[in-house]
Protein backbone atom coordinates (compact mmCIF):
# COMPACT_ATOMS: atom_id res chain seq x y z
CA MET A 1 -62.95 -60.47 -63.63
CA ARG A 2 -60.45 -62.33 -65.23
CA LYS A 3 -60.63 -59.43 -67.93
CA SER A 4 -59.70 -57.05 -65.01
CA LEU A 5 -56.14 -58.30 -64.71
CA MET A 6 -55.82 -59.45 -68.74
CA PHE A 7 -56.35 -55.28 -69.80
CA LEU A 8 -53.65 -54.77 -67.00
CA THR A 9 -51.37 -57.35 -69.21
CA ALA A 10 -52.22 -54.87 -72.15
CA ALA A 11 -52.52 -51.66 -70.64
CA ALA A 12 -49.31 -52.09 -68.72
CA ILE A 13 -45.74 -51.14 -70.32
CA GLY A 14 -41.99 -50.50 -68.73
CA LEU A 15 -39.09 -52.19 -67.59
CA ALA A 16 -36.67 -52.36 -64.88
CA SER A 17 -33.25 -51.47 -66.73
CA CYS A 18 -31.67 -54.37 -64.21
CA ASN A 19 -32.70 -58.04 -63.85
CA SER A 20 -30.01 -58.08 -60.57
CA GLY A 21 -31.99 -60.79 -57.89
CA PHE A 22 -34.55 -62.09 -59.99
CA LYS A 23 -34.85 -65.91 -60.89
CA LYS A 24 -35.70 -66.84 -64.35
CA GLY A 25 -38.73 -69.04 -64.98
CA ASP A 26 -40.20 -70.92 -67.60
CA GLY A 27 -41.21 -68.57 -70.90
CA GLY A 28 -39.31 -65.88 -69.95
CA LEU A 29 -40.67 -64.85 -66.71
CA LEU A 30 -38.53 -62.84 -64.05
CA TYR A 31 -39.41 -62.85 -60.50
CA THR A 32 -38.83 -62.42 -57.07
CA ILE A 33 -40.59 -63.34 -54.43
CA HIS A 34 -40.57 -60.67 -51.34
CA GLU A 35 -42.60 -62.47 -48.68
CA ASP A 36 -43.04 -66.41 -48.58
CA LYS A 37 -45.89 -67.56 -45.80
CA GLU A 38 -46.36 -70.80 -45.39
CA GLY A 39 -49.28 -72.92 -47.64
CA ALA A 40 -50.77 -74.17 -50.53
CA PRO A 41 -49.99 -71.86 -53.16
CA VAL A 42 -52.90 -70.70 -55.67
CA LYS A 43 -54.00 -73.86 -58.23
CA GLU A 44 -56.33 -73.01 -61.61
CA GLY A 45 -60.00 -72.45 -60.65
CA ASP A 46 -58.94 -70.99 -57.35
CA PHE A 47 -60.64 -68.09 -56.00
CA ILE A 48 -57.88 -65.23 -55.21
CA SER A 49 -58.47 -61.34 -54.21
CA VAL A 50 -54.69 -59.50 -55.11
CA ASN A 51 -53.74 -56.32 -54.88
CA LEU A 52 -51.72 -55.35 -57.99
CA ILE A 53 -49.58 -52.28 -59.01
CA ALA A 54 -48.47 -52.03 -62.74
CA LYS A 55 -45.28 -49.45 -63.36
CA THR A 56 -44.24 -48.11 -66.74
CA ASP A 57 -40.08 -47.97 -66.98
CA ALA A 58 -40.28 -44.61 -65.86
CA ASP A 59 -41.42 -45.42 -62.50
CA SER A 60 -44.80 -43.82 -63.77
CA VAL A 61 -48.01 -46.29 -61.99
CA LEU A 62 -50.60 -47.26 -64.83
CA PHE A 63 -52.47 -48.62 -62.19
CA ASN A 64 -53.38 -49.43 -58.38
CA SER A 65 -55.53 -51.15 -56.73
CA TYR A 66 -54.57 -50.05 -53.69
CA ASP A 67 -56.21 -46.46 -54.88
CA GLN A 68 -59.65 -48.40 -55.68
CA GLY A 69 -59.85 -49.18 -52.09
CA LYS A 70 -59.43 -53.02 -52.24
CA PRO A 71 -57.40 -55.70 -53.29
CA MET A 72 -58.95 -57.41 -57.36
CA PRO A 73 -60.87 -60.70 -56.73
CA THR A 74 -60.47 -63.20 -59.59
CA LEU A 75 -60.35 -67.27 -60.79
CA MET A 76 -57.30 -68.25 -61.10
CA PRO A 77 -57.65 -69.09 -64.93
CA LYS A 78 -54.82 -71.69 -66.55
CA PRO A 79 -52.05 -69.65 -67.32
CA GLN A 80 -52.89 -68.39 -71.29
CA TYR A 81 -48.71 -68.65 -72.31
CA LYS A 82 -45.70 -70.06 -70.78
CA GLY A 83 -44.11 -66.67 -68.43
CA ASP A 84 -47.65 -64.70 -68.20
CA ILE A 85 -48.81 -63.17 -65.28
CA TYR A 86 -50.85 -66.10 -63.99
CA ALA A 87 -47.80 -68.40 -64.13
CA GLY A 88 -45.97 -65.62 -61.71
CA ILE A 89 -49.06 -65.83 -59.21
CA SER A 90 -49.39 -69.67 -59.73
CA LYS A 91 -45.69 -69.98 -57.74
CA LEU A 92 -47.47 -67.81 -54.64
CA SER A 93 -49.92 -68.52 -51.46
CA GLU A 94 -51.93 -66.58 -49.25
CA GLY A 95 -49.89 -63.51 -47.83
CA ASP A 96 -46.46 -63.79 -50.28
CA SER A 97 -46.18 -60.53 -52.14
CA ALA A 98 -43.64 -60.91 -55.25
CA THR A 99 -42.60 -58.48 -58.17
CA PHE A 100 -42.76 -60.43 -61.83
CA LYS A 101 -41.48 -58.68 -65.47
CA ILE A 102 -43.51 -59.93 -68.34
CA ASN A 103 -41.33 -60.34 -71.31
CA THR A 104 -43.86 -58.04 -74.02
CA ASP A 105 -42.63 -60.49 -77.04
CA SER A 106 -44.29 -63.34 -75.45
CA MET A 107 -47.62 -61.47 -74.36
CA PHE A 108 -48.29 -60.41 -77.32
CA LYS A 109 -47.30 -63.02 -79.43
CA ALA A 110 -49.74 -64.99 -77.67
CA SER A 111 -52.67 -61.98 -77.43
CA PRO A 112 -55.19 -61.88 -80.45
CA THR A 113 -54.36 -57.90 -79.41
CA PRO A 114 -51.89 -56.55 -81.53
CA ARG A 115 -48.30 -54.45 -80.02
CA PRO A 116 -49.05 -51.17 -79.51
CA ALA A 117 -46.87 -49.11 -82.35
CA ASN A 118 -45.69 -46.56 -79.26
CA LEU A 119 -44.68 -49.90 -77.17
CA LYS A 120 -40.85 -49.35 -75.62
CA GLY A 121 -39.27 -51.44 -73.41
CA LYS A 122 -38.97 -55.08 -72.89
CA TYR A 123 -41.11 -55.81 -69.74
CA ILE A 124 -44.25 -55.65 -67.99
CA ILE A 125 -43.88 -55.02 -64.47
CA TYR A 126 -45.69 -55.80 -61.91
CA GLN A 127 -45.50 -55.70 -57.78
CA VAL A 128 -48.53 -58.23 -56.61
CA LYS A 129 -49.49 -59.00 -52.88
CA VAL A 130 -52.22 -62.36 -52.14
CA VAL A 131 -54.66 -61.35 -50.12
CA LYS A 132 -57.28 -63.68 -49.60
CA ILE A 133 -57.12 -67.72 -51.38
CA ILE A 134 -60.36 -69.46 -51.64
CA PRO A 135 -59.36 -73.25 -52.84
CA LYS A 136 -62.24 -74.72 -54.95
CA GLY A 137 -60.47 -78.35 -54.45
CA LYS A 138 -62.80 -80.67 -54.45
CA LEU A 139 -65.77 -78.45 -52.97
CA SER A 140 -69.23 -78.35 -54.77
CA ASP A 141 -69.55 -75.11 -56.89
CA GLN A 142 -72.75 -74.08 -54.08
CA VAL A 143 -70.45 -74.99 -51.51
CA PHE A 144 -67.63 -72.74 -53.48
CA GLN A 145 -69.39 -69.65 -54.50
CA GLY A 146 -71.03 -69.96 -50.99
CA ARG A 147 -67.73 -69.49 -49.52
CA ILE A 148 -66.77 -67.10 -51.73
CA THR A 149 -69.83 -64.48 -51.03
CA ASP A 150 -68.80 -65.11 -47.67
CA TYR A 151 -65.88 -63.18 -48.06
CA PHE A 152 -67.39 -60.49 -49.97
CA LYS A 153 -69.51 -59.70 -47.48
CA ALA A 154 -67.07 -59.86 -44.55
CA GLU A 155 -64.96 -57.78 -46.89
CA SER A 156 -67.82 -55.54 -47.59
CA ALA A 157 -68.37 -54.86 -43.48
CA LYS A 158 -64.92 -54.48 -42.71
CA LEU A 159 -65.36 -51.18 -45.49
CA LYS A 160 -68.17 -50.13 -44.26
CA GLY A 161 -66.80 -49.97 -40.76
CA VAL A 162 -63.61 -47.93 -41.41
CA GLU A 163 -65.51 -45.16 -43.45
CA PRO A 164 -65.83 -42.81 -41.04
CA GLY A 165 -62.64 -42.86 -39.84
CA LYS A 166 -61.36 -42.73 -43.05
CA ILE A 167 -63.74 -39.01 -43.42
CA SER A 168 -62.09 -37.40 -40.00
CA LYS A 169 -58.96 -38.42 -41.54
CA TYR A 170 -59.47 -36.83 -43.81
CA ILE A 171 -60.68 -33.52 -42.89
CA ALA A 172 -57.67 -33.17 -39.94
CA ALA A 173 -55.45 -34.16 -43.32
CA ASN A 174 -56.92 -31.08 -45.42
CA ASN A 175 -57.49 -28.86 -42.22
CA ILE A 176 -61.64 -28.95 -43.76
CA LYS A 177 -63.78 -26.46 -41.56
CA ALA A 178 -66.29 -28.91 -42.53
CA THR A 179 -70.20 -28.48 -41.08
CA LYS A 180 -72.31 -31.78 -40.95
CA THR A 181 -76.15 -32.03 -42.07
CA SER A 182 -78.21 -34.14 -41.20
CA THR A 183 -77.66 -36.08 -43.47
CA GLY A 184 -74.30 -36.62 -42.69
CA LEU A 185 -73.24 -34.69 -45.71
CA GLN A 186 -70.04 -32.33 -44.39
CA TYR A 187 -69.33 -28.88 -46.40
CA GLN A 188 -66.83 -26.20 -46.73
CA ILE A 189 -67.71 -22.70 -48.26
CA THR A 190 -63.58 -22.13 -49.28
CA LYS A 191 -65.32 -18.75 -51.69
CA PRO A 192 -68.50 -17.01 -51.20
CA GLY A 193 -70.81 -16.33 -53.32
CA SER A 194 -73.18 -13.58 -54.03
CA GLY A 195 -77.04 -13.23 -54.23
CA PRO A 196 -79.74 -15.87 -53.21
CA THR A 197 -78.51 -19.62 -53.01
CA ILE A 198 -79.87 -22.18 -55.86
CA ALA A 199 -83.21 -23.73 -55.53
CA LYS A 200 -84.98 -26.50 -56.48
CA GLY A 201 -85.94 -26.14 -60.16
CA ASP A 202 -82.69 -24.18 -61.18
CA THR A 203 -80.15 -25.24 -63.25
CA ALA A 204 -76.63 -25.53 -61.81
CA VAL A 205 -73.74 -24.65 -63.68
CA VAL A 206 -71.11 -26.29 -62.48
CA ASN A 207 -67.25 -26.81 -62.34
CA TYR A 208 -65.92 -30.18 -60.78
CA THR A 209 -63.27 -32.49 -59.46
CA GLY A 210 -63.87 -35.54 -57.96
CA LYS A 211 -61.83 -37.73 -55.72
CA LEU A 212 -61.32 -40.21 -53.20
CA VAL A 213 -60.07 -39.55 -49.59
CA SER A 214 -56.43 -40.85 -50.87
CA GLY A 215 -56.41 -38.07 -53.02
CA LYS A 216 -56.65 -39.95 -56.22
CA VAL A 217 -58.70 -37.73 -59.03
CA PHE A 218 -61.04 -39.89 -61.22
CA ASP A 219 -63.33 -37.14 -62.67
CA THR A 220 -63.49 -33.41 -63.16
CA SER A 221 -65.01 -30.92 -66.01
CA ILE A 222 -61.87 -28.93 -65.95
CA LYS A 223 -59.22 -29.87 -68.30
CA GLU A 224 -56.26 -28.46 -66.89
CA ILE A 225 -57.19 -30.80 -63.75
CA ALA A 226 -57.29 -33.86 -66.10
CA GLN A 227 -54.16 -33.33 -67.76
CA LYS A 228 -52.68 -33.25 -64.34
CA GLU A 229 -53.90 -36.25 -62.46
CA LYS A 230 -53.42 -38.05 -66.21
CA THR A 231 -57.18 -38.43 -66.57
CA PHE A 232 -58.11 -36.42 -69.70
CA ASP A 233 -60.19 -38.24 -72.05
CA ALA A 234 -59.60 -36.52 -75.93
CA ASN A 235 -63.38 -38.07 -76.09
CA ARG A 236 -65.13 -35.57 -74.06
CA PRO A 237 -65.70 -31.80 -73.29
CA TYR A 238 -64.10 -29.50 -70.60
CA GLN A 239 -66.71 -27.85 -69.56
CA PRO A 240 -68.96 -26.54 -66.60
CA ILE A 241 -72.06 -29.13 -66.83
CA ARG A 242 -75.46 -28.39 -66.30
CA ILE A 243 -77.68 -29.77 -63.55
CA ALA A 244 -81.37 -29.50 -62.79
CA VAL A 245 -81.38 -29.12 -59.06
CA GLY A 246 -83.66 -31.51 -57.25
CA ALA A 247 -84.36 -33.80 -60.10
CA GLY A 248 -83.00 -36.83 -57.93
CA ALA A 249 -80.88 -37.68 -61.03
CA VAL A 250 -77.64 -36.79 -59.23
CA ILE A 251 -76.51 -38.61 -56.06
CA PRO A 252 -78.18 -36.89 -52.66
CA GLY A 253 -74.35 -35.76 -52.01
CA TRP A 254 -74.10 -33.08 -54.88
CA ASP A 255 -78.55 -32.74 -55.02
CA GLU A 256 -77.99 -31.75 -51.01
CA GLY A 257 -75.11 -29.63 -51.30
CA LEU A 258 -75.80 -27.54 -54.54
CA GLN A 259 -78.65 -26.21 -52.45
CA LEU A 260 -76.04 -24.87 -50.19
CA LEU A 261 -74.44 -22.65 -52.92
CA ASN A 262 -75.25 -19.50 -54.09
CA LYS A 263 -74.18 -18.07 -57.98
CA GLY A 264 -69.54 -17.97 -57.67
CA ALA A 265 -69.29 -19.93 -54.55
CA LYS A 266 -66.83 -22.36 -54.53
CA ALA A 267 -67.51 -25.58 -51.43
CA THR A 268 -65.86 -28.64 -50.52
CA LEU A 269 -68.26 -31.68 -49.80
CA VAL A 270 -66.99 -34.86 -48.12
CA ILE A 271 -69.70 -37.05 -49.26
CA PRO A 272 -69.95 -40.73 -47.18
CA SER A 273 -71.32 -43.77 -49.28
CA SER A 274 -74.84 -42.87 -48.14
CA LEU A 275 -75.10 -40.28 -50.46
CA ALA A 276 -72.92 -41.73 -52.82
CA TYR A 277 -72.35 -44.98 -54.62
CA GLY A 278 -73.27 -46.99 -51.46
CA GLU A 279 -72.82 -50.58 -50.85
CA GLN A 280 -71.89 -51.57 -54.69
CA GLY A 281 -69.55 -48.39 -55.85
CA LEU A 282 -69.43 -47.56 -58.93
CA GLY A 283 -66.89 -47.52 -61.77
CA PRO A 284 -63.28 -46.01 -59.87
CA VAL A 285 -65.51 -45.62 -56.74
CA PRO A 286 -64.90 -48.78 -54.84
CA PRO A 287 -67.69 -50.09 -52.09
CA PHE A 288 -68.61 -48.04 -49.50
CA ALA A 289 -66.50 -45.32 -50.06
CA PRO A 290 -66.48 -41.54 -49.09
CA ILE A 291 -66.07 -38.92 -52.20
CA VAL A 292 -64.84 -35.27 -52.30
CA PHE A 293 -65.93 -32.97 -54.82
CA ASP A 294 -64.24 -29.41 -55.17
CA VAL A 295 -67.23 -27.29 -56.65
CA GLU A 296 -67.82 -23.64 -58.21
CA LEU A 297 -71.70 -22.57 -58.54
CA VAL A 298 -70.74 -20.95 -61.95
CA ASP A 299 -74.26 -19.61 -62.58
CA ILE A 300 -77.42 -20.10 -61.77
CA VAL A 301 -80.49 -20.12 -64.01
CA HIS A 302 -83.46 -19.74 -63.13
CA PRO A 303 -86.98 -21.90 -64.79
CA LYS A 304 -88.61 -19.72 -67.16
CA ALA A 305 -92.37 -19.24 -66.43
CA GLY A 306 -94.78 -22.27 -68.53
CA ALA A 307 -90.83 -23.56 -70.25
CA ALA A 308 -90.10 -27.77 -69.79
CA ALA A 309 -88.32 -28.78 -66.94
CA PRO A 310 -84.58 -28.52 -68.25
CA THR A 311 -82.64 -31.29 -69.38
CA MET A 312 -79.57 -32.20 -67.32
CA GLN A 313 -76.54 -32.52 -68.90
CA LEU A 314 -73.56 -34.46 -67.46
CA PRO A 315 -70.28 -36.24 -68.52
CA ALA A 316 -69.97 -39.48 -69.97
CA PRO A 317 -71.53 -42.34 -67.94
CA THR A 318 -68.39 -43.77 -66.26
CA GLN A 319 -67.94 -40.23 -64.19
CA ALA A 320 -69.34 -39.36 -61.49
CA PRO A 321 -71.80 -37.33 -60.43
CA ALA A 322 -74.18 -39.29 -61.74
CA LYS A 323 -76.52 -41.59 -59.93
CA GLN A 324 -76.51 -45.17 -60.30
């Protein structure tokens, strides 16, 4: 869990042009506390769950835990150097929120990671909200871990409970005229195709864009969309993918949804977590997260008599819609 915050420290770059209203801490840390609740501040070894936004000097968001639908959990480590992000968070108690500016020179001087050549600006800027603290104190490891487990269970129950509302809200907000299947998949054919629908055993050639119900795009086969959404990866091809339909190697929402389409059809698939990545989530998809795919069935490849089953070609393993 600690690696998540360290990744942000290495990745987020930026600076606020004015330090007015900020207090100065050790190591050049600049901070302002927006909410100051009653309670003990977080200590080394405590479990904490935080929402965090990192921005560039141009106010471009590099990371936003709110997009993930859940706060980031971590065990509070000892500050790595004076004025780092952990030193800032150690000033906060449960319910507090603050903005921190971290000096990039200090950070990379203490880090084994070399400073990127294109790094601009003097500060890294974080907006932090402490959602939960579970103090370690004198608790045994067993009791401490039990309380953390209970916290995760309660958070999962919350996410599961609000999922139907998220789906309904997305469908209404985007004016989707959805048809709901017996499994819970909801879909709208946005452009009719021609000919018979694809069948099990066929290979679907598909363009797609996947996003959370927040609108955040997490994967696409279309280069222009990847560039626009800042998810572009120069190491992967941007082209329609090939999927063996009904083989069970993609998430159930895809296997079912593709079989509703014929060649040339476009559709929006609103997929509940039970037909996607469930209570665990995967990569950018949080636990109990409904996901939305805009798909286009570019072509249907029928199997040749006596030919071996086609090999499914998917994006990189970290990308949806691959099955867990």
